[in-house]
Structure formats: structure tokens, C-alpha cells
N, C-alpha and C. Protein backbone atom coordinates (compact mmCIF):
# COMPACT_ATOMS: atom_id res chain seq x y z
N MET A 1 -65.69 28.51 -20.53
CA MET A 1 -66.74 28.44 -19.57
C MET A 1 -66.64 29.69 -18.69
N VAL A 2 -67.79 30.24 -18.28
CA VAL A 2 -67.85 31.42 -17.42
C VAL A 2 -68.38 30.99 -16.05
N VAL A 3 -67.68 31.40 -15.01
CA VAL A 3 -68.09 31.10 -13.64
C VAL A 3 -68.39 32.42 -12.95
N GLN A 4 -69.55 32.49 -12.26
CA GLN A 4 -69.95 33.69 -11.53
C GLN A 4 -69.70 33.46 -10.04
N ASP A 5 -69.09 34.44 -9.36
CA ASP A 5 -68.87 34.35 -7.92
C ASP A 5 -68.88 35.74 -7.33
N ARG A 6 -69.84 36.00 -6.44
CA ARG A 6 -69.97 37.29 -5.75
C ARG A 6 -69.98 38.47 -6.71
N GLY A 7 -70.69 38.33 -7.78
CA GLY A 7 -70.84 39.42 -8.74
C GLY A 7 -69.67 39.55 -9.70
N GLU A 8 -68.69 38.71 -9.63
CA GLU A 8 -67.55 38.75 -10.52
C GLU A 8 -67.64 37.60 -11.51
N SER A 9 -67.12 37.82 -12.71
CA SER A 9 -67.11 36.78 -13.74
C SER A 9 -65.69 36.29 -13.95
N TYR A 10 -65.54 34.98 -14.02
CA TYR A 10 -64.25 34.36 -14.28
C TYR A 10 -64.38 33.48 -15.51
N PHE A 11 -63.52 33.70 -16.51
CA PHE A 11 -63.49 32.89 -17.72
C PHE A 11 -62.46 31.79 -17.49
N VAL A 12 -62.94 30.54 -17.47
CA VAL A 12 -62.12 29.41 -17.07
C VAL A 12 -61.99 28.41 -18.21
N ASP A 13 -60.79 27.88 -18.38
CA ASP A 13 -60.57 26.80 -19.33
C ASP A 13 -61.10 25.53 -18.68
N ALA A 14 -62.13 24.92 -19.28
CA ALA A 14 -62.80 23.77 -18.68
C ALA A 14 -61.89 22.56 -18.58
N ALA A 15 -60.93 22.43 -19.46
CA ALA A 15 -60.06 21.26 -19.46
C ALA A 15 -59.02 21.32 -18.34
N THR A 16 -58.44 22.50 -18.10
CA THR A 16 -57.36 22.61 -17.13
C THR A 16 -57.79 23.27 -15.82
N GLY A 17 -58.88 24.04 -15.83
CA GLY A 17 -59.30 24.76 -14.64
C GLY A 17 -58.58 26.09 -14.48
N GLU A 18 -57.78 26.48 -15.45
CA GLU A 18 -57.02 27.73 -15.39
C GLU A 18 -57.95 28.91 -15.63
N ILE A 19 -57.79 29.97 -14.82
CA ILE A 19 -58.56 31.20 -15.00
C ILE A 19 -57.88 32.00 -16.10
N LEU A 20 -58.61 32.22 -17.19
CA LEU A 20 -58.06 32.92 -18.34
C LEU A 20 -58.22 34.43 -18.21
N HIS A 21 -59.37 34.85 -17.63
CA HIS A 21 -59.64 36.27 -17.48
C HIS A 21 -60.64 36.46 -16.35
N ALA A 22 -60.49 37.53 -15.60
CA ALA A 22 -61.43 37.85 -14.52
C ALA A 22 -61.87 39.30 -14.66
N THR A 23 -63.13 39.57 -14.34
CA THR A 23 -63.64 40.94 -14.41
C THR A 23 -63.33 41.71 -13.14
N ARG A 24 -62.82 41.02 -12.13
CA ARG A 24 -62.51 41.68 -10.86
C ARG A 24 -61.38 42.67 -11.07
N LYS A 25 -61.58 43.87 -10.59
CA LYS A 25 -60.58 44.93 -10.74
C LYS A 25 -59.65 44.93 -9.53
N LEU A 26 -58.38 45.08 -9.79
CA LEU A 26 -57.41 45.18 -8.72
C LEU A 26 -57.36 46.60 -8.20
N PRO A 27 -56.98 46.80 -6.94
CA PRO A 27 -56.87 48.17 -6.43
C PRO A 27 -55.81 48.95 -7.20
N ARG A 28 -56.02 50.26 -7.29
CA ARG A 28 -55.10 51.10 -8.06
C ARG A 28 -53.72 51.16 -7.41
N ARG A 29 -53.69 51.22 -6.08
CA ARG A 29 -52.41 51.35 -5.38
C ARG A 29 -52.17 50.12 -4.53
N ARG A 30 -50.93 49.80 -4.42
CA ARG A 30 -50.54 48.70 -3.55
C ARG A 30 -50.40 49.24 -2.13
N VAL A 31 -50.86 48.49 -1.16
CA VAL A 31 -50.72 48.90 0.22
C VAL A 31 -49.29 48.66 0.66
N VAL A 32 -48.67 49.70 1.17
CA VAL A 32 -47.29 49.60 1.62
C VAL A 32 -47.27 49.66 3.14
N ARG A 33 -46.64 48.69 3.74
CA ARG A 33 -46.56 48.64 5.19
C ARG A 33 -45.36 49.45 5.67
N VAL A 34 -45.58 50.32 6.64
CA VAL A 34 -44.53 51.19 7.15
C VAL A 34 -44.13 50.70 8.54
N VAL A 35 -42.84 50.59 8.75
CA VAL A 35 -42.31 50.16 10.04
C VAL A 35 -41.83 51.39 10.80
N HIS A 36 -42.28 51.54 12.05
CA HIS A 36 -41.91 52.71 12.85
C HIS A 36 -41.02 52.35 14.03
N VAL A 37 -40.25 51.29 13.92
CA VAL A 37 -39.34 50.91 14.99
C VAL A 37 -37.96 50.68 14.42
N ASP A 38 -36.96 50.85 15.24
CA ASP A 38 -35.59 50.55 14.87
C ASP A 38 -35.16 49.34 15.67
N VAL A 39 -34.96 48.24 15.01
CA VAL A 39 -34.58 47.02 15.71
C VAL A 39 -33.20 47.22 16.32
N GLY A 40 -33.06 46.81 17.55
CA GLY A 40 -31.81 46.96 18.25
C GLY A 40 -31.78 48.20 19.12
N VAL A 41 -32.62 49.21 18.82
CA VAL A 41 -32.67 50.42 19.62
C VAL A 41 -33.82 50.32 20.62
N ASP A 42 -35.05 50.15 20.11
CA ASP A 42 -36.18 50.06 21.03
C ASP A 42 -36.87 48.70 21.00
N THR A 43 -36.39 47.77 20.19
CA THR A 43 -36.88 46.39 20.21
C THR A 43 -35.68 45.45 20.10
N ARG A 44 -35.93 44.20 20.41
CA ARG A 44 -34.88 43.18 20.32
C ARG A 44 -34.95 42.50 18.96
N TRP A 45 -33.85 41.86 18.58
CA TRP A 45 -33.89 40.95 17.46
C TRP A 45 -34.63 39.70 17.92
N PRO A 46 -35.34 39.01 17.04
CA PRO A 46 -36.07 37.81 17.48
C PRO A 46 -35.18 36.78 18.16
N SER A 47 -33.94 36.65 17.72
CA SER A 47 -33.05 35.66 18.34
C SER A 47 -32.61 36.07 19.74
N GLU A 48 -32.79 37.35 20.09
CA GLU A 48 -32.39 37.84 21.41
C GLU A 48 -33.55 37.92 22.39
N ALA A 49 -34.75 37.55 21.96
CA ALA A 49 -35.92 37.63 22.83
C ALA A 49 -35.76 36.68 24.01
N ARG A 50 -36.20 37.14 25.19
CA ARG A 50 -36.07 36.33 26.40
C ARG A 50 -37.37 35.64 26.79
N ASN A 51 -38.49 36.05 26.19
CA ASN A 51 -39.76 35.40 26.46
C ASN A 51 -40.68 35.58 25.26
N ALA A 52 -41.86 34.99 25.32
CA ALA A 52 -42.78 35.02 24.18
C ALA A 52 -43.24 36.43 23.83
N GLU A 53 -43.42 37.26 24.84
CA GLU A 53 -43.87 38.64 24.58
C GLU A 53 -42.82 39.44 23.82
N GLU A 54 -41.55 39.31 24.23
CA GLU A 54 -40.48 40.01 23.52
C GLU A 54 -40.31 39.49 22.09
N LEU A 55 -40.51 38.19 21.91
CA LEU A 55 -40.43 37.63 20.56
C LEU A 55 -41.54 38.18 19.68
N LEU A 56 -42.75 38.23 20.19
CA LEU A 56 -43.87 38.78 19.44
C LEU A 56 -43.64 40.25 19.10
N GLU A 57 -43.12 41.00 20.06
CA GLU A 57 -42.81 42.42 19.82
C GLU A 57 -41.75 42.59 18.74
N ALA A 58 -40.76 41.71 18.72
CA ALA A 58 -39.68 41.81 17.74
C ALA A 58 -40.13 41.38 16.35
N MET A 59 -41.06 40.42 16.28
CA MET A 59 -41.48 39.90 14.98
C MET A 59 -42.62 40.69 14.34
N THR A 60 -43.46 41.30 15.12
CA THR A 60 -44.67 41.94 14.59
C THR A 60 -44.42 42.95 13.48
N PRO A 61 -43.46 43.86 13.59
CA PRO A 61 -43.31 44.84 12.50
C PRO A 61 -42.85 44.25 11.18
N PHE A 62 -42.19 43.10 11.20
CA PHE A 62 -41.55 42.60 10.00
C PHE A 62 -42.15 41.33 9.43
N ASP A 63 -42.85 40.56 10.22
CA ASP A 63 -43.35 39.27 9.79
C ASP A 63 -44.85 39.35 9.54
N TRP A 64 -45.25 39.38 8.29
CA TRP A 64 -46.67 39.49 7.94
C TRP A 64 -47.41 38.18 8.15
N TRP A 65 -46.67 37.09 8.26
CA TRP A 65 -47.29 35.76 8.40
C TRP A 65 -47.06 35.21 9.79
N ILE A 66 -47.05 36.08 10.79
CA ILE A 66 -46.76 35.67 12.16
C ILE A 66 -47.80 34.69 12.70
N ASP A 67 -49.00 34.70 12.15
CA ASP A 67 -50.05 33.80 12.63
C ASP A 67 -50.08 32.47 11.87
N GLN A 68 -49.23 32.30 10.86
CA GLN A 68 -49.18 31.05 10.10
C GLN A 68 -48.33 30.03 10.85
N HIS A 69 -48.89 28.87 11.10
CA HIS A 69 -48.21 27.84 11.89
C HIS A 69 -48.10 26.58 11.04
N TYR A 70 -46.89 26.13 10.84
CA TYR A 70 -46.63 24.95 10.02
C TYR A 70 -46.07 23.85 10.92
N VAL A 71 -46.79 22.74 11.00
CA VAL A 71 -46.35 21.59 11.80
C VAL A 71 -46.40 20.37 10.91
N SER A 72 -45.29 19.64 10.82
CA SER A 72 -45.22 18.42 10.01
C SER A 72 -45.45 17.23 10.92
N ARG A 73 -46.70 16.90 11.16
CA ARG A 73 -47.04 15.83 12.11
C ARG A 73 -46.55 14.46 11.69
N GLY A 74 -46.49 14.18 10.41
CA GLY A 74 -46.01 12.89 9.94
C GLY A 74 -44.55 12.65 10.29
N ARG A 75 -43.79 13.71 10.42
CA ARG A 75 -42.37 13.58 10.74
C ARG A 75 -42.15 13.13 12.18
N PHE A 76 -43.13 13.42 13.06
CA PHE A 76 -43.02 12.95 14.44
C PHE A 76 -43.09 11.43 14.48
N LEU A 77 -43.95 10.85 13.65
CA LEU A 77 -44.06 9.39 13.61
C LEU A 77 -42.79 8.76 13.06
N ASP A 78 -42.09 9.47 12.17
CA ASP A 78 -40.82 8.95 11.65
C ASP A 78 -39.78 8.81 12.76
N LEU A 79 -39.89 9.63 13.81
CA LEU A 79 -38.95 9.53 14.92
C LEU A 79 -39.06 8.18 15.62
N LEU A 80 -40.27 7.62 15.64
CA LEU A 80 -40.43 6.30 16.27
C LEU A 80 -39.66 5.24 15.51
N ASP A 81 -39.54 5.40 14.20
CA ASP A 81 -38.75 4.46 13.40
C ASP A 81 -37.26 4.56 13.71
N HIS A 82 -36.85 5.69 14.28
CA HIS A 82 -35.44 5.90 14.61
C HIS A 82 -35.19 5.73 16.11
N ASN A 83 -36.01 4.89 16.73
CA ASN A 83 -35.86 4.51 18.14
C ASN A 83 -36.06 5.65 19.13
N ALA A 84 -36.87 6.62 18.80
CA ALA A 84 -37.22 7.65 19.76
C ALA A 84 -38.32 7.10 20.67
N SER A 85 -38.27 7.48 21.93
CA SER A 85 -39.29 7.00 22.86
C SER A 85 -40.61 7.73 22.60
N PRO A 86 -41.72 7.10 22.94
CA PRO A 86 -43.03 7.77 22.75
C PRO A 86 -43.15 9.07 23.55
N SER A 87 -42.53 9.11 24.73
CA SER A 87 -42.61 10.36 25.51
C SER A 87 -41.81 11.47 24.84
N ALA A 88 -40.70 11.14 24.19
CA ALA A 88 -39.92 12.16 23.46
C ALA A 88 -40.73 12.71 22.30
N VAL A 89 -41.45 11.85 21.61
CA VAL A 89 -42.29 12.30 20.50
C VAL A 89 -43.42 13.18 21.02
N ARG A 90 -44.01 12.82 22.16
CA ARG A 90 -45.07 13.65 22.75
C ARG A 90 -44.55 15.04 23.11
N VAL A 91 -43.36 15.08 23.72
CA VAL A 91 -42.77 16.37 24.11
C VAL A 91 -42.51 17.22 22.88
N LEU A 92 -41.89 16.64 21.86
CA LEU A 92 -41.59 17.39 20.64
C LEU A 92 -42.86 17.90 19.97
N ARG A 93 -43.88 17.05 19.93
CA ARG A 93 -45.14 17.47 19.30
C ARG A 93 -45.79 18.60 20.08
N TYR A 94 -45.77 18.52 21.41
CA TYR A 94 -46.37 19.59 22.22
C TYR A 94 -45.66 20.92 21.98
N ILE A 95 -44.33 20.88 21.99
CA ILE A 95 -43.56 22.11 21.77
C ILE A 95 -43.84 22.65 20.37
N ALA A 96 -43.89 21.76 19.37
CA ALA A 96 -44.13 22.19 17.99
C ALA A 96 -45.50 22.83 17.82
N GLU A 97 -46.50 22.31 18.50
CA GLU A 97 -47.86 22.84 18.35
C GLU A 97 -48.10 24.11 19.17
N ASN A 98 -47.19 24.46 20.06
CA ASN A 98 -47.37 25.63 20.92
C ASN A 98 -46.23 26.63 20.80
N LEU A 99 -45.69 26.78 19.61
CA LEU A 99 -44.59 27.72 19.39
C LEU A 99 -45.05 29.15 19.63
N ALA A 100 -44.16 29.96 20.18
CA ALA A 100 -44.44 31.39 20.36
C ALA A 100 -44.22 32.13 19.05
N GLY A 101 -43.28 31.69 18.28
CA GLY A 101 -42.94 32.30 17.00
C GLY A 101 -41.68 31.65 16.48
N ARG A 102 -41.48 31.73 15.16
CA ARG A 102 -40.37 31.04 14.50
C ARG A 102 -40.34 29.60 14.96
N ASN A 103 -39.22 29.13 15.49
CA ASN A 103 -39.17 27.76 16.00
C ASN A 103 -38.89 27.77 17.50
N TYR A 104 -39.36 28.80 18.21
CA TYR A 104 -39.09 28.97 19.63
C TYR A 104 -40.33 28.69 20.48
N TRP A 105 -40.10 28.02 21.59
CA TRP A 105 -41.12 27.83 22.62
C TRP A 105 -40.49 28.24 23.94
N TYR A 106 -41.19 29.06 24.71
CA TYR A 106 -40.68 29.53 26.00
C TYR A 106 -41.48 28.89 27.12
N GLY A 107 -40.79 28.45 28.13
CA GLY A 107 -41.45 27.86 29.28
C GLY A 107 -40.42 27.17 30.17
N THR A 108 -40.92 26.45 31.13
CA THR A 108 -40.05 25.72 32.03
C THR A 108 -40.34 24.23 31.91
N VAL A 109 -39.48 23.44 32.50
CA VAL A 109 -39.72 22.00 32.52
C VAL A 109 -40.99 21.72 33.31
N GLY A 110 -41.26 22.51 34.33
CA GLY A 110 -42.50 22.36 35.10
C GLY A 110 -43.74 22.61 34.25
N ASP A 111 -43.66 23.57 33.32
CA ASP A 111 -44.78 23.83 32.41
C ASP A 111 -45.04 22.61 31.53
N LEU A 112 -43.96 22.01 31.03
CA LEU A 112 -44.12 20.80 30.22
C LEU A 112 -44.67 19.65 31.04
N GLU A 113 -44.19 19.55 32.27
CA GLU A 113 -44.65 18.48 33.16
C GLU A 113 -46.15 18.60 33.42
N ASP A 114 -46.62 19.82 33.67
CA ASP A 114 -48.05 20.04 33.93
C ASP A 114 -48.89 19.79 32.69
N ALA A 115 -48.41 20.24 31.54
CA ALA A 115 -49.19 20.12 30.31
C ALA A 115 -49.27 18.68 29.82
N LEU A 116 -48.19 17.93 29.94
CA LEU A 116 -48.14 16.58 29.37
C LEU A 116 -48.42 15.48 30.39
N LYS A 117 -48.45 15.84 31.68
CA LYS A 117 -48.68 14.85 32.75
C LYS A 117 -47.65 13.72 32.68
N ILE A 118 -46.39 14.11 32.48
CA ILE A 118 -45.28 13.15 32.45
C ILE A 118 -44.42 13.42 33.69
N PRO A 119 -43.97 12.39 34.39
CA PRO A 119 -43.08 12.62 35.54
C PRO A 119 -41.82 13.37 35.11
N LYS A 120 -41.30 14.17 36.03
CA LYS A 120 -40.17 15.04 35.71
C LYS A 120 -38.95 14.26 35.22
N ARG A 121 -38.67 13.13 35.82
CA ARG A 121 -37.50 12.34 35.41
C ARG A 121 -37.66 11.82 33.98
N SER A 122 -38.85 11.35 33.63
CA SER A 122 -39.11 10.88 32.26
C SER A 122 -39.04 12.03 31.28
N LEU A 123 -39.53 13.18 31.72
CA LEU A 123 -39.50 14.38 30.87
C LEU A 123 -38.05 14.81 30.60
N GLU A 124 -37.24 14.80 31.62
CA GLU A 124 -35.82 15.16 31.44
C GLU A 124 -35.13 14.18 30.50
N ARG A 125 -35.44 12.89 30.64
CA ARG A 125 -34.87 11.88 29.75
C ARG A 125 -35.30 12.13 28.31
N ALA A 126 -36.58 12.47 28.11
CA ALA A 126 -37.08 12.75 26.77
C ALA A 126 -36.40 13.98 26.18
N LEU A 127 -36.20 15.02 26.99
CA LEU A 127 -35.52 16.23 26.51
C LEU A 127 -34.07 15.94 26.14
N GLN A 128 -33.39 15.12 26.94
CA GLN A 128 -32.01 14.75 26.61
C GLN A 128 -31.96 13.93 25.32
N GLU A 129 -32.94 13.07 25.14
CA GLU A 129 -33.00 12.25 23.93
C GLU A 129 -33.21 13.13 22.69
N LEU A 130 -34.11 14.11 22.80
CA LEU A 130 -34.38 15.01 21.67
C LEU A 130 -33.17 15.89 21.37
N THR A 131 -32.46 16.30 22.41
CA THR A 131 -31.25 17.10 22.22
C THR A 131 -30.17 16.28 21.54
N ALA A 132 -30.03 15.02 21.96
CA ALA A 132 -29.03 14.15 21.34
C ALA A 132 -29.36 13.87 19.88
N MET A 133 -30.65 13.85 19.53
CA MET A 133 -31.07 13.60 18.15
C MET A 133 -31.00 14.87 17.30
N ASN A 134 -30.65 16.00 17.91
CA ASN A 134 -30.59 17.30 17.25
C ASN A 134 -31.96 17.76 16.76
N ALA A 135 -33.01 17.35 17.45
CA ALA A 135 -34.35 17.79 17.12
C ALA A 135 -34.77 18.97 17.98
N LEU A 136 -34.04 19.21 19.08
CA LEU A 136 -34.39 20.24 20.04
C LEU A 136 -33.13 20.83 20.64
N LYS A 137 -33.15 22.14 20.87
CA LYS A 137 -32.05 22.81 21.58
C LYS A 137 -32.66 23.58 22.73
N ARG A 138 -31.93 23.64 23.82
CA ARG A 138 -32.41 24.31 25.02
C ARG A 138 -31.44 25.43 25.38
N LYS A 139 -31.98 26.62 25.65
CA LYS A 139 -31.14 27.74 26.05
C LYS A 139 -31.75 28.35 27.30
N THR A 140 -30.97 28.41 28.36
CA THR A 140 -31.45 29.02 29.60
C THR A 140 -31.00 30.46 29.66
N ASN A 141 -31.85 31.30 30.18
CA ASN A 141 -31.56 32.73 30.34
C ASN A 141 -31.70 33.09 31.82
N ARG A 142 -30.64 32.94 32.55
CA ARG A 142 -30.65 33.23 33.98
C ARG A 142 -31.81 32.53 34.67
N LYS A 143 -32.00 32.81 35.92
CA LYS A 143 -33.08 32.13 36.65
C LYS A 143 -34.40 32.85 36.53
N ALA A 144 -34.40 34.14 36.23
CA ALA A 144 -35.64 34.91 36.20
C ALA A 144 -36.45 34.69 34.91
N TRP A 145 -35.79 34.22 33.85
CA TRP A 145 -36.46 34.08 32.57
C TRP A 145 -36.76 32.62 32.28
N PRO A 146 -37.77 32.36 31.47
CA PRO A 146 -38.06 30.96 31.10
C PRO A 146 -36.99 30.41 30.15
N ILE A 147 -37.00 29.11 30.01
CA ILE A 147 -36.09 28.44 29.09
C ILE A 147 -36.62 28.63 27.67
N ARG A 148 -35.72 28.84 26.71
CA ARG A 148 -36.12 28.90 25.31
C ARG A 148 -35.75 27.58 24.65
N PHE A 149 -36.76 26.88 24.18
CA PHE A 149 -36.54 25.65 23.43
C PHE A 149 -36.65 26.00 21.96
N SER A 150 -35.67 25.56 21.19
CA SER A 150 -35.72 25.73 19.73
C SER A 150 -35.94 24.35 19.13
N ILE A 151 -36.98 24.24 18.33
CA ILE A 151 -37.26 22.98 17.66
C ILE A 151 -36.66 23.05 16.26
N HIS A 152 -36.23 21.93 15.75
CA HIS A 152 -35.66 21.88 14.41
C HIS A 152 -36.70 22.42 13.42
N PRO A 153 -36.34 23.37 12.55
CA PRO A 153 -37.32 23.96 11.62
C PRO A 153 -37.95 22.95 10.67
N TRP A 154 -37.37 21.80 10.54
CA TRP A 154 -37.92 20.76 9.67
C TRP A 154 -39.22 20.22 10.24
N TYR A 155 -39.38 20.27 11.58
CA TYR A 155 -40.58 19.75 12.24
C TYR A 155 -41.68 20.79 12.35
N ALA A 156 -41.33 22.03 12.66
CA ALA A 156 -42.37 23.05 12.87
C ALA A 156 -41.79 24.44 12.69
N TRP A 157 -42.67 25.37 12.32
CA TRP A 157 -42.28 26.77 12.13
C TRP A 157 -43.52 27.63 12.29
N LYS A 158 -43.34 28.81 12.83
CA LYS A 158 -44.44 29.76 12.95
C LYS A 158 -43.96 31.11 12.42
N GLY A 159 -44.59 31.56 11.34
CA GLY A 159 -44.21 32.83 10.74
C GLY A 159 -43.83 32.67 9.28
N ASP A 160 -43.07 33.63 8.79
CA ASP A 160 -42.66 33.68 7.39
C ASP A 160 -41.73 32.51 7.05
N LEU A 161 -42.05 31.81 5.98
CA LEU A 161 -41.26 30.65 5.59
C LEU A 161 -39.87 31.01 5.09
N LEU A 162 -39.66 32.25 4.65
CA LEU A 162 -38.30 32.65 4.25
C LEU A 162 -37.37 32.63 5.45
N GLY A 163 -37.89 32.95 6.62
CA GLY A 163 -37.09 32.86 7.83
C GLY A 163 -36.76 31.43 8.18
N ARG A 164 -37.67 30.51 7.84
CA ARG A 164 -37.41 29.09 8.11
C ARG A 164 -36.23 28.60 7.29
N ASP A 165 -36.12 29.04 6.05
CA ASP A 165 -35.01 28.61 5.21
C ASP A 165 -33.67 29.02 5.81
N VAL A 166 -33.60 30.24 6.34
CA VAL A 166 -32.38 30.72 6.97
C VAL A 166 -32.09 29.93 8.25
N ALA A 167 -33.14 29.73 9.05
CA ALA A 167 -32.96 28.98 10.31
C ALA A 167 -32.55 27.54 10.03
N TYR A 168 -33.10 26.96 8.98
CA TYR A 168 -32.74 25.58 8.64
C TYR A 168 -31.27 25.48 8.25
N SER A 169 -30.79 26.42 7.45
CA SER A 169 -29.37 26.38 7.05
C SER A 169 -28.46 26.62 8.25
N GLU A 170 -28.88 27.48 9.19
CA GLU A 170 -28.09 27.69 10.40
C GLU A 170 -28.12 26.45 11.29
N TRP A 171 -29.27 25.77 11.35
CA TRP A 171 -29.42 24.59 12.20
C TRP A 171 -28.49 23.46 11.74
N VAL A 172 -28.43 23.25 10.43
CA VAL A 172 -27.59 22.17 9.93
C VAL A 172 -26.14 22.61 9.70
N GLY A 173 -25.86 23.89 9.88
CA GLY A 173 -24.49 24.38 9.77
C GLY A 173 -24.02 24.64 8.36
N VAL A 174 -24.95 24.90 7.44
CA VAL A 174 -24.60 25.19 6.06
C VAL A 174 -24.78 26.67 5.81
N LYS A 175 -23.76 27.30 5.27
CA LYS A 175 -23.86 28.72 4.93
C LYS A 175 -24.24 28.84 3.46
N PRO A 176 -25.13 29.80 3.14
CA PRO A 176 -25.48 29.97 1.73
C PRO A 176 -24.28 30.36 0.90
N ALA A 177 -24.30 29.98 -0.36
CA ALA A 177 -23.19 30.28 -1.27
C ALA A 177 -23.08 31.78 -1.48
N SER A 178 -21.87 32.25 -1.63
CA SER A 178 -21.62 33.64 -1.92
C SER A 178 -21.36 33.78 -3.42
N PHE A 179 -22.19 34.58 -4.05
CA PHE A 179 -22.04 34.79 -5.49
C PHE A 179 -21.41 36.15 -5.75
N GLY A 180 -20.44 36.16 -6.60
CA GLY A 180 -19.82 37.43 -6.98
C GLY A 180 -18.75 37.86 -5.99
N GLY A 181 -18.20 39.06 -6.25
CA GLY A 181 -17.14 39.72 -5.56
C GLY A 181 -16.78 39.29 -4.25
């Protein structure tokens, strides 16, 4: 079977839907992305970023999928089966949906309080509960910088999925196998 789309012809196997041949021509040369920064000299490593702007600056030259956001919403409901409070699930979902990059969210407890309309004491309890469940980690950077919350990569990720695999193995404490010498 032949399918026409935008002036191109595609020869398709009607039984499987597999494209057997296309008349569309590929470009002669592959586009090669050139990086003009030296990480560690004039930019930070993503793990060393102190706020969302520094994280974006560190990720932009290397992460082509920086705008891809993966959130596993069904997994938040699974937390309720494991005796997580509804406010803890709301907090985790908000952080997951508003990641700055990778599995990091920058802000203060006051920012969460304003966004979720949860009293500060309940919010602190929810954050302690998520930390105890190993679904969230909190890192403070002095008083001048916002808090960096890291969400478990199993729940959400923003950017290249190859980075998620590395972050997941670091989160659970498993080092990749060493092959050879």
C-alpha cells in the first residue's frame, strides 16, 4: 500500500503497518552540535548548581532534551497504598511537575506553602515523611540560596533519560558493573 503525506510517498505493509520504503530524502550531512564552554571553568556541573538558572546554564550545552519532562503520575497514587499522607503526595506531585531540570527543584518552604496553600507545620511534616520514605532529599545552600529538593528519579525527570539512569543508580546506591581491566 502507498501512503502520501506532504508530497512524500511511503510504501507500507498493510498487515503490520511497517514502512518498507520512503521517497523522503535524508540530509547529506548530519548536524553536529558544537560546545563552546568548559565545564568547571566557566560553568558549574549540574550537581553543583545553586539555583534554577545555574542548573539551566550547566545543562544547556550538553542536554538536547532539556525541555522533555517525564512525570509518572500513577506512582504518586501508589504512595497512598503505602500509608503516605495526602498532603505528602500533593507536595511530591507539585515538586515533580515543576522541576528546574534533572530531578531538582529549587525554592523555599515558603514557596511550597504559597503554591499549595498548606500550613507550614503540615508542610514540614509532609517533607519529613517524604524524606523518610526516600522519595525526596533536601539540600540547603547557606541562607542566601534556595533549598534544592531532589525527587527520586523513579517519580519524575526533566532532560535526557540517560542521565536519569545514572541518577537512579546513585539514588539507590548501586554502582554499575565494571567490565574488563
